Amino acid sequence: MKVFFSRHAMKRMAERGISLNEVYEVLRSPLDAIDVRFGRRAYVRHFADCYYVVVIAERRNQDLIVVTAIRTSRKGALRYGFIRI
C-alpha cells in the first residue's frame, strides 16, 4: 500500500505543525480507527507531548490518500467519536 497526500493535507499539516513522520506513525499503528463521512476513515494516535494526531484518509484501490491531519487534545479526539483512546 502506498500513501499519498492531497494538497489540502500538506497545507494543513504545515499550518498545524504536523510532520510526515507523525502521519506515518498514526497510519502504521493507530490507537483507534473509525468510519467517517464520504467513505473515509479517521485514525488517531497519542504522542508523548500530551497531544493526539487525527488523520483522515480514503482508500483508492490499494492506495491510501491522506485528506487532512489535525492535532488535538484527548477531549477533542473523543469529540470526533474515538472511544479507544
N, C-alpha and C. Protein backbone atom coordinates (compact mmCIF):
# COMPACT_ATOMS: atom_id res chain seq x y z
N MET A 1 0.84 -1.18 0.00
CA MET A 1 0.00 0.00 0.00
C MET A 1 0.89 1.25 0.00
N LYS A 2 0.59 2.15 -0.89
CA LYS A 2 1.29 3.42 -0.94
C LYS A 2 0.44 4.50 -0.29
N VAL A 3 1.10 5.48 0.31
CA VAL A 3 0.39 6.59 0.94
C VAL A 3 0.68 7.85 0.14
N PHE A 4 -0.39 8.54 -0.26
CA PHE A 4 -0.28 9.80 -0.98
C PHE A 4 -0.92 10.90 -0.13
N PHE A 5 -0.51 12.13 -0.36
CA PHE A 5 -1.02 13.26 0.39
C PHE A 5 -1.67 14.27 -0.56
N SER A 6 -2.88 14.68 -0.24
CA SER A 6 -3.54 15.71 -1.04
C SER A 6 -2.87 17.05 -0.76
N ARG A 7 -3.05 18.00 -1.67
CA ARG A 7 -2.51 19.35 -1.44
C ARG A 7 -3.09 19.95 -0.16
N HIS A 8 -4.37 19.72 0.03
CA HIS A 8 -5.03 20.23 1.24
C HIS A 8 -4.35 19.66 2.50
N ALA A 9 -4.08 18.36 2.50
CA ALA A 9 -3.44 17.74 3.66
C ALA A 9 -2.07 18.34 3.92
N MET A 10 -1.28 18.52 2.87
CA MET A 10 0.07 19.09 3.04
C MET A 10 -0.01 20.51 3.60
N LYS A 11 -0.97 21.27 3.11
CA LYS A 11 -1.13 22.65 3.58
C LYS A 11 -1.53 22.68 5.05
N ARG A 12 -2.50 21.86 5.41
CA ARG A 12 -2.97 21.82 6.80
C ARG A 12 -1.89 21.29 7.74
N MET A 13 -1.14 20.30 7.31
CA MET A 13 -0.06 19.75 8.14
C MET A 13 0.97 20.84 8.43
N ALA A 14 1.32 21.62 7.42
CA ALA A 14 2.29 22.71 7.61
C ALA A 14 1.73 23.76 8.58
N GLU A 15 0.47 24.13 8.42
CA GLU A 15 -0.16 25.11 9.29
C GLU A 15 -0.23 24.64 10.74
N ARG A 16 -0.44 23.33 10.91
CA ARG A 16 -0.68 22.78 12.24
C ARG A 16 0.57 22.15 12.87
N GLY A 17 1.69 22.21 12.17
CA GLY A 17 2.93 21.69 12.72
C GLY A 17 2.97 20.18 12.85
N ILE A 18 2.35 19.48 11.92
CA ILE A 18 2.32 18.02 11.94
C ILE A 18 3.30 17.51 10.88
N SER A 19 4.20 16.64 11.28
CA SER A 19 5.22 16.14 10.35
C SER A 19 4.72 14.91 9.59
N LEU A 20 5.41 14.61 8.49
CA LEU A 20 5.11 13.40 7.72
C LEU A 20 5.31 12.17 8.59
N ASN A 21 6.36 12.18 9.40
CA ASN A 21 6.63 11.03 10.28
C ASN A 21 5.49 10.78 11.26
N GLU A 22 4.91 11.85 11.79
CA GLU A 22 3.78 11.68 12.70
C GLU A 22 2.60 11.04 11.98
N VAL A 23 2.33 11.49 10.77
CA VAL A 23 1.21 10.93 10.00
C VAL A 23 1.46 9.45 9.70
N TYR A 24 2.69 9.10 9.29
CA TYR A 24 3.01 7.70 9.04
C TYR A 24 2.87 6.86 10.30
N GLU A 25 3.26 7.41 11.46
CA GLU A 25 3.11 6.69 12.73
C GLU A 25 1.63 6.43 13.04
N VAL A 26 0.80 7.44 12.81
CA VAL A 26 -0.64 7.28 13.05
C VAL A 26 -1.19 6.17 12.16
N LEU A 27 -0.83 6.18 10.89
CA LEU A 27 -1.35 5.18 9.95
C LEU A 27 -0.77 3.79 10.22
N ARG A 28 0.48 3.73 10.68
CA ARG A 28 1.14 2.45 10.93
C ARG A 28 0.56 1.76 12.17
N SER A 29 0.31 2.53 13.23
CA SER A 29 -0.21 1.91 14.46
C SER A 29 -1.15 2.86 15.20
N PRO A 30 -2.37 3.00 14.70
CA PRO A 30 -3.34 3.89 15.35
C PRO A 30 -3.87 3.27 16.65
N LEU A 31 -4.25 4.13 17.58
CA LEU A 31 -4.95 3.68 18.78
C LEU A 31 -6.37 3.25 18.44
N ASP A 32 -6.96 3.94 17.48
CA ASP A 32 -8.34 3.67 17.08
C ASP A 32 -8.53 4.15 15.65
N ALA A 33 -9.48 3.56 14.97
CA ALA A 33 -9.85 3.97 13.60
C ALA A 33 -11.36 3.86 13.48
N ILE A 34 -11.97 4.89 12.92
CA ILE A 34 -13.43 4.91 12.77
C ILE A 34 -13.80 5.33 11.35
N ASP A 35 -14.97 4.91 10.91
CA ASP A 35 -15.50 5.36 9.63
C ASP A 35 -16.09 6.75 9.81
N VAL A 36 -15.82 7.61 8.84
CA VAL A 36 -16.36 8.96 8.86
C VAL A 36 -17.07 9.22 7.54
N ARG A 37 -17.41 10.45 7.26
CA ARG A 37 -18.19 10.80 6.07
C ARG A 37 -17.45 10.50 4.77
N PHE A 38 -18.23 10.36 3.72
CA PHE A 38 -17.75 10.21 2.34
C PHE A 38 -16.89 8.96 2.15
N GLY A 39 -17.11 7.92 2.95
CA GLY A 39 -16.37 6.67 2.81
C GLY A 39 -14.94 6.74 3.30
N ARG A 40 -14.62 7.74 4.07
CA ARG A 40 -13.26 7.91 4.59
C ARG A 40 -13.14 7.28 5.97
N ARG A 41 -11.88 7.13 6.42
CA ARG A 41 -11.61 6.63 7.77
C ARG A 41 -10.75 7.64 8.50
N ALA A 42 -10.98 7.71 9.80
CA ALA A 42 -10.18 8.58 10.66
C ALA A 42 -9.36 7.70 11.59
N TYR A 43 -8.09 8.03 11.72
CA TYR A 43 -7.16 7.29 12.56
C TYR A 43 -6.61 8.25 13.61
N VAL A 44 -6.36 7.75 14.82
CA VAL A 44 -5.84 8.61 15.88
C VAL A 44 -4.69 7.90 16.61
N ARG A 45 -3.77 8.71 17.09
CA ARG A 45 -2.65 8.20 17.89
C ARG A 45 -2.23 9.28 18.87
N HIS A 46 -1.79 8.83 20.04
CA HIS A 46 -1.31 9.73 21.10
C HIS A 46 0.20 9.88 20.97
N PHE A 47 0.67 11.10 21.14
CA PHE A 47 2.11 11.37 21.11
C PHE A 47 2.56 11.87 22.48
N ALA A 48 3.83 11.78 22.75
CA ALA A 48 4.42 11.99 24.07
C ALA A 48 4.11 13.35 24.70
N ASP A 49 3.98 14.38 23.92
CA ASP A 49 3.77 15.72 24.48
C ASP A 49 2.31 16.00 24.80
N CYS A 50 1.57 14.96 25.15
CA CYS A 50 0.16 15.09 25.57
C CYS A 50 -0.74 15.64 24.47
N TYR A 51 -0.52 15.25 23.25
CA TYR A 51 -1.44 15.63 22.18
C TYR A 51 -1.72 14.41 21.30
N TYR A 52 -2.79 14.50 20.57
CA TYR A 52 -3.21 13.44 19.65
C TYR A 52 -3.16 13.99 18.24
N VAL A 53 -2.89 13.10 17.29
CA VAL A 53 -2.96 13.46 15.88
C VAL A 53 -4.04 12.59 15.25
N VAL A 54 -4.98 13.25 14.58
CA VAL A 54 -6.05 12.58 13.85
C VAL A 54 -5.75 12.72 12.37
N VAL A 55 -5.78 11.60 11.65
CA VAL A 55 -5.54 11.60 10.21
C VAL A 55 -6.79 11.09 9.52
N ILE A 56 -7.30 11.86 8.56
CA ILE A 56 -8.45 11.45 7.75
C ILE A 56 -7.90 11.01 6.40
N ALA A 57 -8.28 9.80 5.99
CA ALA A 57 -7.76 9.26 4.73
C ALA A 57 -8.83 8.46 4.02
N GLU A 58 -8.66 8.33 2.72
CA GLU A 58 -9.57 7.49 1.93
C GLU A 58 -8.76 6.49 1.14
N ARG A 59 -9.35 5.33 0.94
CA ARG A 59 -8.69 4.27 0.22
C ARG A 59 -9.11 4.32 -1.26
N ARG A 60 -8.13 4.25 -2.13
CA ARG A 60 -8.39 4.14 -3.57
C ARG A 60 -7.59 2.97 -4.07
N ASN A 61 -8.31 1.93 -4.45
CA ASN A 61 -7.70 0.66 -4.84
C ASN A 61 -6.83 0.17 -3.68
N GLN A 62 -5.54 0.02 -3.90
CA GLN A 62 -4.64 -0.44 -2.83
C GLN A 62 -3.94 0.71 -2.13
N ASP A 63 -4.21 1.94 -2.55
CA ASP A 63 -3.50 3.10 -2.02
C ASP A 63 -4.34 3.84 -0.97
N LEU A 64 -3.65 4.64 -0.16
CA LEU A 64 -4.29 5.45 0.86
C LEU A 64 -3.97 6.91 0.56
N ILE A 65 -5.00 7.74 0.50
CA ILE A 65 -4.82 9.18 0.24
C ILE A 65 -5.17 9.94 1.51
N VAL A 66 -4.19 10.63 2.08
CA VAL A 66 -4.42 11.43 3.28
C VAL A 66 -5.11 12.71 2.85
N VAL A 67 -6.28 12.98 3.44
CA VAL A 67 -7.09 14.13 3.09
C VAL A 67 -6.74 15.32 3.99
N THR A 68 -6.56 15.05 5.30
CA THR A 68 -6.18 16.10 6.24
C THR A 68 -5.62 15.48 7.50
N ALA A 69 -5.00 16.29 8.32
CA ALA A 69 -4.47 15.85 9.61
C ALA A 69 -4.70 16.97 10.62
N ILE A 70 -5.03 16.58 11.84
CA ILE A 70 -5.41 17.53 12.88
C ILE A 70 -4.67 17.18 14.17
N ARG A 71 -4.12 18.17 14.85
CA ARG A 71 -3.54 18.00 16.18
C ARG A 71 -4.61 18.42 17.18
N THR A 72 -4.86 17.57 18.17
CA THR A 72 -5.94 17.86 19.11
C THR A 72 -5.62 17.31 20.50
N SER A 73 -6.48 17.59 21.44
CA SER A 73 -6.37 17.06 22.80
C SER A 73 -7.16 15.76 22.89
N ARG A 74 -7.08 15.10 24.03
CA ARG A 74 -7.86 13.88 24.24
C ARG A 74 -9.35 14.21 24.14
N LYS A 75 -9.74 15.32 24.74
CA LYS A 75 -11.15 15.74 24.69
C LYS A 75 -11.60 15.95 23.24
N GLY A 76 -10.75 16.57 22.44
CA GLY A 76 -11.07 16.79 21.04
C GLY A 76 -11.19 15.48 20.28
N ALA A 77 -10.30 14.54 20.54
CA ALA A 77 -10.35 13.23 19.87
C ALA A 77 -11.63 12.49 20.25
N LEU A 78 -12.03 12.59 21.51
CA LEU A 78 -13.28 11.96 21.93
C LEU A 78 -14.47 12.58 21.21
N ARG A 79 -14.41 13.89 20.99
CA ARG A 79 -15.49 14.58 20.27
C ARG A 79 -15.64 14.08 18.83
N TYR A 80 -14.51 13.68 18.23
CA TYR A 80 -14.57 13.13 16.86
C TYR A 80 -15.24 11.77 16.82
N GLY A 81 -15.33 11.11 17.97
CA GLY A 81 -16.00 9.81 18.02
C GLY A 81 -15.09 8.65 18.35
N PHE A 82 -13.83 8.91 18.66
CA PHE A 82 -12.93 7.84 19.04
C PHE A 82 -13.25 7.41 20.46
N ILE A 83 -13.30 6.09 20.70
CA ILE A 83 -13.64 5.63 22.05
C ILE A 83 -12.52 4.82 22.70
N ARG A 84 -11.56 4.36 21.93
CA ARG A 84 -10.49 3.53 22.50
C ARG A 84 -9.20 4.35 22.65
N ILE A 85 -9.29 5.49 23.28
CA ILE A 85 -8.08 6.28 23.47
C ILE A 85 -7.81 6.46 24.90
